[in-house]
Amino acid sequence: MIARMRGVKRKLTAFADEEQRLHRHEEARVRHLNEVYSMYSVDDVKYEAWSRTRLDRLLVDYLLRHGYNQSARALAQEKGIEPLVDLDTFEQMSRIRKCILNRSVTEALAWCTAGDTKKELRKMDSNLEFMLRFQQYIELVRDHSTKPTEILSYARKFLLPYQNTYKREVMQACGMLAVRPSAETNVYAELYSPDRWEMLANLFTSTHNALLSLPSVPLLHVALSSGLSALKTPACHSVCPICSTELNELARGVPYAFHSKSHVEPDLLLLPNGRAYGRARLDEYARKAGLLDGQVKDLRTGEIFGVDRLKKVYIT
């Protein structure tokens, strides 16, 4: 009993330390956001320092998402922004992703079943845990030294409970027992493909980000896209950030900037169908169409209305 209580105490202590760490990070991020609210203009002398800190945050986030963990941590430490970035979160994600690419699902399965993660993944209807179990089953079948009884036992424990949800995969798992991977014509060759490891790594990354409400793309790309959309125009020339080799791919999907100048016609009249035109245009169109006095014609739909049904429009 005493040993069990000590174990509970250790767990509670670890939870308390983690909670305090998260509170410190939250307070630092709130202070960072409050700083910009205290500035009334981008010309404020404090804004340059704040924007520099923001840029450092974006760079650290970009490095972490691309697996440059040591460089990201070094930059965060040098700039003193460790509480403003998710170093531990992305380092854990990068470590598990590398393990998957190295053909090991043990670490990813431990992450899926740790604490409340399993419950949250079920709420999301995530198939990550099943796909990892399925891959583990495939590796058991691939290994000729594994006894058939061990394979069947694994399938009954981890795959058959999902037969209603993932019927196709469970049926494939059953068929794989009859067709060994060494067969010349293997209908299950796709399941033995090494490309599945890349698929699993991407599935883990997307599930991890969705669970923690993290953007699927680096924050640096989000910031760049918003700026590039203001520069992108149909009359783009060869010397501009949009056409540079570094940003061309990122700018390809952003919309064109809207730089047109609006113009409101004077003496607007509202037609019964909800369209509005200037009186001069309506009169001119009615004259060309040979309408009777007191009639106007919708320039687009061709509908004819009496002038007594028109309403004056006032721009406010």
C-alpha atoms as a PDB file:
ATOM      1  CA  MET A   1       0.000   0.000   0.000  1.00  0.00           C
ATOM      2  CA  ILE A   2       2.817   2.444   0.918  1.00  0.00           C
ATOM      3  CA  ALA A   3       4.637   1.692  -2.339  1.00  0.00           C
ATOM      4  CA  ARG A   4       1.423   2.318  -4.279  1.00  0.00           C
ATOM      5  CA  MET A   5       0.864   5.635  -2.507  1.00  0.00           C
ATOM      6  CA  ARG A   6       4.428   6.687  -3.293  1.00  0.00           C
ATOM      7  CA  GLY A   7       3.831   5.858  -6.933  1.00  0.00           C
ATOM      8  CA  VAL A   8       0.690   7.997  -6.946  1.00  0.00           C
ATOM      9  CA  LYS A   9       2.612  10.835  -5.303  1.00  0.00           C
ATOM     10  CA  ARG A  10       5.305  10.715  -7.978  1.00  0.00           C
ATOM     11  CA  LYS A  11       2.687  10.867 -10.711  1.00  0.00           C
ATOM     12  CA  LEU A  12       0.875  13.780  -9.056  1.00  0.00           C
ATOM     13  CA  THR A  13       4.166  15.631  -8.628  1.00  0.00           C
ATOM     14  CA  ALA A  14       4.955  15.180 -12.321  1.00  0.00           C
ATOM     15  CA  PHE A  15       1.465  16.405 -13.265  1.00  0.00           C
ATOM     16  CA  ALA A  16       1.836  19.449 -10.993  1.00  0.00           C
ATOM     17  CA  ASP A  17       5.224  20.341 -12.513  1.00  0.00           C
ATOM     18  CA  GLU A  18       3.789  20.042 -16.020  1.00  0.00           C
ATOM     19  CA  GLU A  19       0.809  22.207 -15.088  1.00  0.00           C
ATOM     20  CA  GLN A  20       3.076  24.917 -13.650  1.00  0.00           C
ATOM     21  CA  ARG A  21       5.209  24.841 -16.798  1.00  0.00           C
ATOM     22  CA  LEU A  22       2.134  25.304 -18.983  1.00  0.00           C
ATOM     23  CA  HIS A  23       0.937  28.187 -16.799  1.00  0.00           C
ATOM     24  CA  ARG A  24       4.310  29.934 -17.161  1.00  0.00           C
ATOM     25  CA  HIS A  25       4.182  29.549 -20.921  1.00  0.00           C
ATOM     26  CA  GLU A  26       0.617  30.831 -21.041  1.00  0.00           C
ATOM     27  CA  GLU A  27       1.462  33.895 -18.971  1.00  0.00           C
ATOM     28  CA  ALA A  28       4.466  34.681 -21.208  1.00  0.00           C
ATOM     29  CA  ARG A  29       2.329  34.454 -24.352  1.00  0.00           C
ATOM     30  CA  VAL A  30      -0.403  36.641 -22.913  1.00  0.00           C
ATOM     31  CA  ARG A  31       2.205  39.270 -22.005  1.00  0.00           C
ATOM     32  CA  HIS A  32       3.613  39.056 -25.535  1.00  0.00           C
ATOM     33  CA  LEU A  33       0.169  39.732 -27.026  1.00  0.00           C
ATOM     34  CA  ASN A  34      -0.593  42.528 -24.540  1.00  0.00           C
ATOM     35  CA  GLU A  35       2.525  44.355 -25.665  1.00  0.00           C
ATOM     36  CA  VAL A  36       1.150  44.898 -29.154  1.00  0.00           C
ATOM     37  CA  TYR A  37      -2.184  46.139 -27.778  1.00  0.00           C
ATOM     38  CA  SER A  38      -0.346  48.870 -25.900  1.00  0.00           C
ATOM     39  CA  MET A  39       1.017  50.244 -29.190  1.00  0.00           C
ATOM     40  CA  TYR A  40      -1.157  52.656 -31.155  1.00  0.00           C
ATOM     41  CA  SER A  41       0.832  52.577 -34.395  1.00  0.00           C
ATOM     42  CA  VAL A  42       3.454  50.525 -36.216  1.00  0.00           C
ATOM     43  CA  ASP A  43       5.624  53.629 -35.969  1.00  0.00           C
ATOM     44  CA  ASP A  44       5.919  53.046 -32.236  1.00  0.00           C
ATOM     45  CA  VAL A  45       9.563  52.462 -31.275  1.00  0.00           C
ATOM     46  CA  LYS A  46       8.520  49.333 -29.356  1.00  0.00           C
ATOM     47  CA  TYR A  47       6.897  47.735 -32.402  1.00  0.00           C
ATOM     48  CA  GLU A  48      10.191  46.914 -34.120  1.00  0.00           C
ATOM     49  CA  ALA A  49      11.401  44.896 -31.118  1.00  0.00           C
ATOM     50  CA  TRP A  50       8.021  43.156 -30.818  1.00  0.00           C
ATOM     51  CA  SER A  51       7.938  42.270 -34.523  1.00  0.00           C
ATOM     52  CA  ARG A  52      11.486  40.911 -34.262  1.00  0.00           C
ATOM     53  CA  THR A  53      10.361  38.615 -31.450  1.00  0.00           C
ATOM     54  CA  ARG A  54       7.428  37.505 -33.575  1.00  0.00           C
ATOM     55  CA  LEU A  55       9.751  36.723 -36.481  1.00  0.00           C
ATOM     56  CA  ASP A  56      11.983  34.671 -34.168  1.00  0.00           C
ATOM     57  CA  ARG A  57       8.894  32.717 -33.061  1.00  0.00           C
ATOM     58  CA  LEU A  58       7.960  32.008 -36.670  1.00  0.00           C
ATOM     59  CA  LEU A  59      11.483  30.853 -37.487  1.00  0.00           C
ATOM     60  CA  VAL A  60      11.638  28.523 -34.488  1.00  0.00           C
ATOM     61  CA  ASP A  61       8.235  27.061 -35.428  1.00  0.00           C
ATOM     62  CA  TYR A  62       9.448  26.496 -39.003  1.00  0.00           C
ATOM     63  CA  LEU A  63      12.650  24.783 -37.862  1.00  0.00           C
ATOM     64  CA  LEU A  64      10.778  22.524 -35.451  1.00  0.00           C
ATOM     65  CA  ARG A  65       8.271  21.417 -38.073  1.00  0.00           C
ATOM     66  CA  HIS A  66      11.096  20.463 -40.423  1.00  0.00           C
ATOM     67  CA  GLY A  67      13.040  18.473 -37.844  1.00  0.00           C
ATOM     68  CA  TYR A  68      15.841  20.960 -37.090  1.00  0.00           C
ATOM     69  CA  ASN A  69      15.277  20.620 -33.356  1.00  0.00           C
ATOM     70  CA  GLN A  70      18.755  21.555 -32.149  1.00  0.00           C
ATOM     71  CA  SER A  71      18.861  24.697 -34.289  1.00  0.00           C
ATOM     72  CA  ALA A  72      15.366  25.658 -33.131  1.00  0.00           C
ATOM     73  CA  ARG A  73      16.227  25.216 -29.458  1.00  0.00           C
ATOM     74  CA  ALA A  74      19.495  27.119 -29.863  1.00  0.00           C
ATOM     75  CA  LEU A  75      17.686  30.042 -31.510  1.00  0.00           C
ATOM     76  CA  ALA A  76      14.948  30.053 -28.860  1.00  0.00           C
ATOM     77  CA  GLN A  77      17.525  30.049 -26.054  1.00  0.00           C
ATOM     78  CA  GLU A  78      19.583  32.788 -27.686  1.00  0.00           C
ATOM     79  CA  LYS A  79      16.542  35.037 -28.135  1.00  0.00           C
ATOM     80  CA  GLY A  80      14.983  34.142 -24.777  1.00  0.00           C
ATOM     81  CA  ILE A  81      11.661  33.059 -26.284  1.00  0.00           C
ATOM     82  CA  GLU A  82      11.452  29.465 -25.034  1.00  0.00           C
ATOM     83  CA  PRO A  83       8.091  30.069 -23.266  1.00  0.00           C
ATOM     84  CA  LEU A  84       6.660  31.453 -26.539  1.00  0.00           C
ATOM     85  CA  VAL A  85       7.304  28.341 -28.641  1.00  0.00           C
ATOM     86  CA  ASP A  86       6.325  24.656 -28.320  1.00  0.00           C
ATOM     87  CA  LEU A  87       9.795  23.127 -28.207  1.00  0.00           C
ATOM     88  CA  ASP A  88       8.985  19.976 -26.242  1.00  0.00           C
ATOM     89  CA  THR A  89       5.794  19.302 -28.217  1.00  0.00           C
ATOM     90  CA  PHE A  90       7.435  19.432 -31.636  1.00  0.00           C
ATOM     91  CA  GLU A  91      10.563  17.605 -30.466  1.00  0.00           C
ATOM     92  CA  GLN A  92       8.401  14.736 -29.276  1.00  0.00           C
ATOM     93  CA  MET A  93       6.498  14.740 -32.559  1.00  0.00           C
ATOM     94  CA  SER A  94       9.741  14.759 -34.560  1.00  0.00           C
ATOM     95  CA  ARG A  95      11.179  11.913 -32.501  1.00  0.00           C
ATOM     96  CA  ILE A  96       8.100   9.714 -32.981  1.00  0.00           C
ATOM     97  CA  ARG A  97       7.922  10.551 -36.688  1.00  0.00           C
ATOM     98  CA  LYS A  98      11.548   9.489 -37.150  1.00  0.00           C
ATOM     99  CA  CYS A  99      10.832   6.223 -35.356  1.00  0.00           C
ATOM    100  CA  ILE A 100       7.949   5.512 -37.747  1.00  0.00           C
ATOM    101  CA  LEU A 101      10.135   6.250 -40.765  1.00  0.00           C
ATOM    102  CA  ASN A 102      12.681   3.850 -39.229  1.00  0.00           C
ATOM    103  CA  ARG A 103       9.917   1.215 -39.289  1.00  0.00           C
ATOM    104  CA  SER A 104       9.001   1.182 -35.631  1.00  0.00           C
ATOM    105  CA  VAL A 105       5.482   1.899 -34.353  1.00  0.00           C
ATOM    106  CA  THR A 106       6.182   1.252 -30.673  1.00  0.00           C
ATOM    107  CA  GLU A 107       6.709   4.911 -29.753  1.00  0.00           C
ATOM    108  CA  ALA A 108       3.671   6.054 -31.754  1.00  0.00           C
ATOM    109  CA  LEU A 109       1.457   3.443 -30.084  1.00  0.00           C
ATOM    110  CA  ALA A 110       2.714   4.541 -26.667  1.00  0.00           C
ATOM    111  CA  TRP A 111       1.742   8.117 -27.546  1.00  0.00           C
ATOM    112  CA  CYS A 112      -1.725   7.022 -28.733  1.00  0.00           C
ATOM    113  CA  THR A 113      -2.502   5.138 -25.514  1.00  0.00           C
ATOM    114  CA  ALA A 114      -0.932   7.547 -23.007  1.00  0.00           C
ATOM    115  CA  GLY A 115      -3.158   9.413 -20.533  1.00  0.00           C
ATOM    116  CA  ASP A 116      -6.238  11.006 -22.087  1.00  0.00           C
ATOM    117  CA  THR A 117      -4.837  10.843 -25.622  1.00  0.00           C
ATOM    118  CA  LYS A 118      -6.638   7.585 -26.415  1.00  0.00           C
ATOM    119  CA  LYS A 119      -9.975   9.054 -25.301  1.00  0.00           C
ATOM    120  CA  GLU A 120      -9.481  12.242 -27.321  1.00  0.00           C
ATOM    121  CA  LEU A 121      -8.494  10.305 -30.435  1.00  0.00           C
ATOM    122  CA  ARG A 122     -11.717   8.321 -30.185  1.00  0.00           C
ATOM    123  CA  LYS A 123     -13.704  11.557 -30.012  1.00  0.00           C
ATOM    124  CA  MET A 124     -11.941  12.660 -33.202  1.00  0.00           C
ATOM    125  CA  ASP A 125     -12.760   9.329 -34.901  1.00  0.00           C
ATOM    126  CA  SER A 126      -9.053   9.002 -35.619  1.00  0.00           C
ATOM    127  CA  ASN A 127      -7.836   5.820 -37.313  1.00  0.00           C
ATOM    128  CA  LEU A 128      -4.208   6.333 -36.254  1.00  0.00           C
ATOM    129  CA  GLU A 129      -4.075   3.653 -33.556  1.00  0.00           C
ATOM    130  CA  PHE A 130      -5.753   1.066 -35.783  1.00  0.00           C
ATOM    131  CA  MET A 131      -3.437   1.802 -38.723  1.00  0.00           C
ATOM    132  CA  LEU A 132      -0.416   1.439 -36.431  1.00  0.00           C
ATOM    133  CA  ARG A 133      -1.755  -1.871 -35.104  1.00  0.00           C
ATOM    134  CA  PHE A 134      -2.445  -2.987 -38.659  1.00  0.00           C
ATOM    135  CA  GLN A 135       1.121  -2.176 -39.683  1.00  0.00           C
ATOM    136  CA  GLN A 136       2.435  -4.095 -36.677  1.00  0.00           C
ATOM    137  CA  TYR A 137       0.332  -7.058 -37.815  1.00  0.00           C
ATOM    138  CA  ILE A 138       1.743  -6.779 -41.346  1.00  0.00           C
ATOM    139  CA  GLU A 139       5.278  -6.940 -39.965  1.00  0.00           C
ATOM    140  CA  LEU A 140       4.380 -10.065 -37.969  1.00  0.00           C
ATOM    141  CA  VAL A 141       3.117 -11.742 -41.137  1.00  0.00           C
ATOM    142  CA  ARG A 142       6.201 -10.591 -43.059  1.00  0.00           C
ATOM    143  CA  ASP A 143       8.500 -12.152 -40.437  1.00  0.00           C
ATOM    144  CA  HIS A 144       8.698 -15.859 -41.262  1.00  0.00           C
ATOM    145  CA  SER A 145       9.947 -16.648 -37.763  1.00  0.00           C
ATOM    146  CA  THR A 146       6.635 -15.552 -36.202  1.00  0.00           C
ATOM    147  CA  LYS A 147       4.383 -18.465 -35.324  1.00  0.00           C
ATOM    148  CA  PRO A 148       0.876 -18.476 -36.880  1.00  0.00           C
ATOM    149  CA  THR A 149      -0.641 -18.790 -33.410  1.00  0.00           C
ATOM    150  CA  GLU A 150       1.050 -15.532 -32.355  1.00  0.00           C
ATOM    151  CA  ILE A 151      -0.266 -13.785 -35.453  1.00  0.00           C
ATOM    152  CA  LEU A 152      -3.807 -15.037 -34.808  1.00  0.00           C
ATOM    153  CA  SER A 153      -3.609 -14.014 -31.169  1.00  0.00           C
ATOM    154  CA  TYR A 154      -2.510 -10.495 -32.147  1.00  0.00           C
ATOM    155  CA  ALA A 155      -5.301 -10.198 -34.731  1.00  0.00           C
ATOM    156  CA  ARG A 156      -7.978 -11.293 -32.245  1.00  0.00           C
ATOM    157  CA  LYS A 157      -6.748  -8.813 -29.634  1.00  0.00           C
ATOM    158  CA  PHE A 158      -6.066  -5.698 -31.699  1.00  0.00           C
ATOM    159  CA  LEU A 159      -7.777  -6.009 -35.109  1.00  0.00           C
ATOM    160  CA  LEU A 160     -11.012  -7.977 -34.755  1.00  0.00           C
ATOM    161  CA  PRO A 161     -12.540  -5.438 -32.301  1.00  0.00           C
ATOM    162  CA  TYR A 162     -12.480  -2.971 -35.238  1.00  0.00           C
ATOM    163  CA  GLN A 163     -14.126  -5.316 -37.779  1.00  0.00           C
ATOM    164  CA  ASN A 164     -17.272  -3.163 -38.008  1.00  0.00           C
ATOM    165  CA  THR A 165     -15.376   0.124 -38.324  1.00  0.00           C
ATOM    166  CA  TYR A 166     -12.551  -0.972 -40.631  1.00  0.00           C
ATOM    167  CA  LYS A 167     -14.074  -3.987 -42.340  1.00  0.00           C
ATOM    168  CA  ARG A 168     -11.904  -3.808 -45.474  1.00  0.00           C
ATOM    169  CA  GLU A 169      -8.615  -3.726 -43.560  1.00  0.00           C
ATOM    170  CA  VAL A 170      -9.675  -6.536 -41.214  1.00  0.00           C
ATOM    171  CA  MET A 171     -10.650  -8.702 -44.200  1.00  0.00           C
ATOM    172  CA  GLN A 172      -7.268  -7.989 -45.769  1.00  0.00           C
ATOM    173  CA  ALA A 173      -5.568  -8.986 -42.537  1.00  0.00           C
ATOM    174  CA  CYS A 174      -7.351 -12.322 -42.602  1.00  0.00           C
ATOM    175  CA  GLY A 175      -6.452 -12.921 -46.248  1.00  0.00           C
ATOM    176  CA  MET A 176      -2.781 -12.186 -45.636  1.00  0.00           C
ATOM    177  CA  LEU A 177      -2.511 -15.381 -43.599  1.00  0.00           C
ATOM    178  CA  ALA A 178      -3.312 -17.412 -46.708  1.00  0.00           C
ATOM    179  CA  VAL A 179      -1.002 -15.499 -49.062  1.00  0.00           C
ATOM    180  CA  ARG A 180       2.504 -15.243 -47.698  1.00  0.00           C
ATOM    181  CA  PRO A 181       4.635 -12.240 -48.719  1.00  0.00           C
ATOM    182  CA  SER A 182       7.046 -14.496 -50.644  1.00  0.00           C
ATOM    183  CA  ALA A 183       4.375 -15.468 -53.182  1.00  0.00           C
ATOM    184  CA  GLU A 184       5.247 -14.558 -56.779  1.00  0.00           C
ATOM    185  CA  THR A 185       1.857 -12.949 -57.465  1.00  0.00           C
ATOM    186  CA  ASN A 186       0.836 -11.260 -54.262  1.00  0.00           C
ATOM    187  CA  VAL A 187      -2.501  -9.436 -54.224  1.00  0.00           C
ATOM    188  CA  TYR A 188      -1.398  -7.784 -50.999  1.00  0.00           C
ATOM    189  CA  ALA A 189       1.810  -6.307 -52.409  1.00  0.00           C
ATOM    190  CA  GLU A 190       0.561  -2.786 -51.636  1.00  0.00           C
ATOM    191  CA  LEU A 191       0.364  -3.615 -47.925  1.00  0.00           C
ATOM    192  CA  TYR A 192       3.989  -4.758 -47.947  1.00  0.00           C
ATOM    193  CA  SER A 193       5.158  -1.616 -49.753  1.00  0.00           C
ATOM    194  CA  PRO A 194       7.732   0.532 -47.901  1.00  0.00           C
ATOM    195  CA  ASP A 195       5.672   3.575 -48.887  1.00  0.00           C
ATOM    196  CA  ARG A 196       3.258   2.720 -46.073  1.00  0.00           C
ATOM    197  CA  TRP A 197       5.783   3.985 -43.539  1.00  0.00           C
ATOM    198  CA  GLU A 198       5.742   7.445 -45.117  1.00  0.00           C
ATOM    199  CA  MET A 199       1.935   7.337 -45.101  1.00  0.00           C
ATOM    200  CA  LEU A 200       1.900   6.401 -41.404  1.00  0.00           C
ATOM    201  CA  ALA A 201       4.363   9.176 -40.553  1.00  0.00           C
ATOM    202  CA  ASN A 202       2.186  11.745 -42.326  1.00  0.00           C
ATOM    203  CA  LEU A 203      -0.929  10.358 -40.652  1.00  0.00           C
ATOM    204  CA  PHE A 204       0.709  10.666 -37.245  1.00  0.00           C
ATOM    205  CA  THR A 205       1.811  14.247 -37.947  1.00  0.00           C
ATOM    206  CA  SER A 206      -1.636  15.365 -39.094  1.00  0.00           C
ATOM    207  CA  THR A 207      -3.343  13.601 -36.167  1.00  0.00           C
ATOM    208  CA  HIS A 208      -0.887  15.089 -33.681  1.00  0.00           C
ATOM    209  CA  ASN A 209      -1.466  18.607 -34.990  1.00  0.00           C
ATOM    210  CA  ALA A 210      -5.247  18.178 -35.094  1.00  0.00           C
ATOM    211  CA  LEU A 211      -5.335  16.851 -31.521  1.00  0.00           C
ATOM    212  CA  LEU A 212      -3.353  19.829 -30.210  1.00  0.00           C
ATOM    213  CA  SER A 213      -5.136  22.348 -32.507  1.00  0.00           C
ATOM    214  CA  LEU A 214      -1.866  23.210 -34.240  1.00  0.00           C
ATOM    215  CA  PRO A 215      -1.916  24.606 -37.803  1.00  0.00           C
ATOM    216  CA  SER A 216      -1.128  22.048 -40.473  1.00  0.00           C
ATOM    217  CA  VAL A 217       1.396  24.411 -42.117  1.00  0.00           C
ATOM    218  CA  PRO A 218       4.249  26.420 -40.566  1.00  0.00           C
ATOM    219  CA  LEU A 219       3.209  29.788 -39.126  1.00  0.00           C
ATOM    220  CA  LEU A 220       5.895  31.382 -41.283  1.00  0.00           C
ATOM    221  CA  HIS A 221       4.007  30.225 -44.398  1.00  0.00           C
ATOM    222  CA  VAL A 222       0.767  31.705 -43.046  1.00  0.00           C
ATOM    223  CA  ALA A 223       2.438  35.078 -42.451  1.00  0.00           C
ATOM    224  CA  LEU A 224       4.179  35.035 -45.836  1.00  0.00           C
ATOM    225  CA  SER A 225       0.993  34.082 -47.676  1.00  0.00           C
ATOM    226  CA  SER A 226      -0.916  37.029 -46.238  1.00  0.00           C
ATOM    227  CA  GLY A 227       1.834  39.395 -47.358  1.00  0.00           C
ATOM    228  CA  LEU A 228       2.280  37.763 -50.763  1.00  0.00           C
ATOM    229  CA  SER A 229      -1.435  38.059 -51.529  1.00  0.00           C
ATOM    230  CA  ALA A 230      -1.106  41.843 -51.216  1.00  0.00           C
ATOM    231  CA  LEU A 231       1.712  41.849 -53.801  1.00  0.00           C
ATOM    232  CA  LYS A 232       0.315  39.320 -56.260  1.00  0.00           C
ATOM    233  CA  THR A 233      -1.388  40.926 -59.274  1.00  0.00           C
ATOM    234  CA  PRO A 234      -2.278  39.709 -62.801  1.00  0.00           C
ATOM    235  CA  ALA A 235       0.289  42.221 -64.148  1.00  0.00           C
ATOM    236  CA  CYS A 236       3.128  40.635 -62.197  1.00  0.00           C
ATOM    237  CA  HIS A 237       6.604  41.289 -63.621  1.00  0.00           C
ATOM    238  CA  SER A 238       9.770  39.203 -63.434  1.00  0.00           C
ATOM    239  CA  VAL A 239      11.469  41.148 -60.638  1.00  0.00           C
ATOM    240  CA  CYS A 240       9.309  40.799 -57.525  1.00  0.00           C
ATOM    241  CA  PRO A 241       9.008  38.538 -54.455  1.00  0.00           C
ATOM    242  CA  ILE A 242       6.184  36.567 -56.080  1.00  0.00           C
ATOM    243  CA  CYS A 243       8.376  35.356 -58.957  1.00  0.00           C
ATOM    244  CA  SER A 244      11.438  34.539 -56.858  1.00  0.00           C
ATOM    245  CA  THR A 245      12.389  30.874 -56.792  1.00  0.00           C
ATOM    246  CA  GLU A 246      12.222  30.827 -52.987  1.00  0.00           C
ATOM    247  CA  LEU A 247       8.613  32.057 -52.757  1.00  0.00           C
ATOM    248  CA  ASN A 248       7.109  31.115 -56.113  1.00  0.00           C
ATOM    249  CA  GLU A 249       5.704  27.781 -54.951  1.00  0.00           C
ATOM    250  CA  LEU A 250       4.198  29.331 -51.823  1.00  0.00           C
ATOM    251  CA  ALA A 251       2.678  32.231 -53.787  1.00  0.00           C
ATOM    252  CA  ARG A 252       1.160  29.953 -56.423  1.00  0.00           C
ATOM    253  CA  GLY A 253      -1.992  29.233 -54.411  1.00  0.00           C
ATOM    254  CA  VAL A 254      -2.682  32.637 -52.873  1.00  0.00           C
ATOM    255  CA  PRO A 255      -5.355  34.866 -54.461  1.00  0.00           C
ATOM    256  CA  TYR A 256      -4.628  38.006 -56.443  1.00  0.00           C
ATOM    257  CA  ALA A 257      -4.656  41.314 -54.609  1.00  0.00           C
ATOM    258  CA  PHE A 258      -7.765  43.422 -55.098  1.00  0.00           C
ATOM    259  CA  HIS A 259      -6.622  46.910 -56.057  1.00  0.00           C
ATOM    260  CA  SER A 260      -9.635  48.159 -58.046  1.00  0.00           C
ATOM    261  CA  LYS A 261     -11.258  51.523 -57.336  1.00  0.00           C
ATOM    262  CA  SER A 262     -14.980  51.444 -56.598  1.00  0.00           C
ATOM    263  CA  HIS A 263     -17.387  53.803 -58.393  1.00  0.00           C
ATOM    264  CA  VAL A 264     -20.973  54.577 -57.380  1.00  0.00           C
ATOM    265  CA  GLU A 265     -23.308  55.990 -59.996  1.00  0.00           C
ATOM    266  CA  PRO A 266     -25.228  59.149 -59.081  1.00  0.00           C
ATOM    267  CA  ASP A 267     -29.040  59.109 -58.835  1.00  0.00           C
ATOM    268  CA  LEU A 268     -29.277  55.392 -58.150  1.00  0.00           C
ATOM    269  CA  LEU A 269     -32.713  53.802 -58.541  1.00  0.00           C
ATOM    270  CA  LEU A 270     -33.695  50.434 -57.079  1.00  0.00           C
ATOM    271  CA  LEU A 271     -35.699  48.138 -59.362  1.00  0.00           C
ATOM    272  CA  PRO A 272     -38.324  45.743 -57.928  1.00  0.00           C
ATOM    273  CA  ASN A 273     -36.021  42.785 -58.655  1.00  0.00           C
ATOM    274  CA  GLY A 274     -33.384  44.169 -56.282  1.00  0.00           C
ATOM    275  CA  ARG A 275     -30.933  45.558 -58.858  1.00  0.00           C
ATOM    276  CA  ALA A 276     -29.839  49.199 -58.787  1.00  0.00           C
ATOM    277  CA  TYR A 277     -28.781  51.401 -61.716  1.00  0.00           C
ATOM    278  CA  GLY A 278     -28.156  55.087 -62.329  1.00  0.00           C
ATOM    279  CA  ARG A 279     -31.111  57.085 -63.752  1.00  0.00           C
ATOM    280  CA  ALA A 280     -29.090  58.231 -66.765  1.00  0.00           C
ATOM    281  CA  ARG A 281     -28.237  54.672 -67.775  1.00  0.00           C
ATOM    282  CA  LEU A 282     -31.838  53.528 -67.391  1.00  0.00           C
ATOM    283  CA  ASP A 283     -33.165  56.407 -69.473  1.00  0.00           C
ATOM    284  CA  GLU A 284     -30.579  55.847 -72.193  1.00  0.00           C
ATOM    285  CA  TYR A 285     -31.257  52.100 -72.323  1.00  0.00           C
ATOM    286  CA  ALA A 286     -35.043  52.692 -72.431  1.00  0.00           C
ATOM    287  CA  ARG A 287     -34.615  55.110 -75.321  1.00  0.00           C
ATOM    288  CA  LYS A 288     -32.468  52.653 -77.289  1.00  0.00           C
ATOM    289  CA  ALA A 289     -34.920  49.815 -76.562  1.00  0.00           C
ATOM    290  CA  GLY A 290     -37.846  51.948 -77.804  1.00  0.00           C
ATOM    291  CA  LEU A 291     -39.858  51.606 -74.582  1.00  0.00           C
ATOM    292  CA  LEU A 292     -42.980  53.613 -73.803  1.00  0.00           C
ATOM    293  CA  ASP A 293     -42.738  56.724 -71.677  1.00  0.00           C
ATOM    294  CA  GLY A 294     -42.611  55.846 -67.995  1.00  0.00           C
ATOM    295  CA  GLN A 295     -40.946  52.450 -68.528  1.00  0.00           C
ATOM    296  CA  VAL A 296     -37.413  51.221 -67.854  1.00  0.00           C
ATOM    297  CA  LYS A 297     -35.626  47.985 -68.635  1.00  0.00           C
ATOM    298  CA  ASP A 298     -33.190  46.000 -66.515  1.00  0.00           C
ATOM    299  CA  LEU A 299     -29.819  46.139 -68.253  1.00  0.00           C
ATOM    300  CA  ARG A 300     -29.006  42.521 -67.374  1.00  0.00           C
ATOM    301  CA  THR A 301     -32.232  40.536 -67.123  1.00  0.00           C
ATOM    302  CA  GLY A 302     -34.303  42.499 -69.680  1.00  0.00           C
ATOM    303  CA  GLU A 303     -37.278  42.865 -67.312  1.00  0.00           C
ATOM    304  CA  ILE A 304     -39.479  45.938 -67.885  1.00  0.00           C
ATOM    305  CA  PHE A 305     -40.850  47.999 -64.979  1.00  0.00           C
ATOM    306  CA  GLY A 306     -42.827  51.196 -64.596  1.00  0.00           C
ATOM    307  CA  VAL A 307     -40.971  54.191 -63.158  1.00  0.00           C
ATOM    308  CA  ASP A 308     -43.593  54.441 -60.413  1.00  0.00           C
ATOM    309  CA  ARG A 309     -42.253  51.150 -58.999  1.00  0.00           C
ATOM    310  CA  LEU A 310     -38.667  52.420 -58.707  1.00  0.00           C
ATOM    311  CA  LYS A 311     -37.190  53.634 -55.411  1.00  0.00           C
ATOM    312  CA  LYS A 312     -34.527  56.224 -54.787  1.00  0.00           C
ATOM    313  CA  VAL A 313     -31.288  54.818 -53.294  1.00  0.00           C
ATOM    314  CA  TYR A 314     -29.240  56.856 -50.832  1.00  0.00           C
ATOM    315  CA  ILE A 315     -25.622  55.909 -50.181  1.00  0.00           C
ATOM    316  CA  THR A 316     -24.647  56.168 -46.510  1.00  0.00           C
END
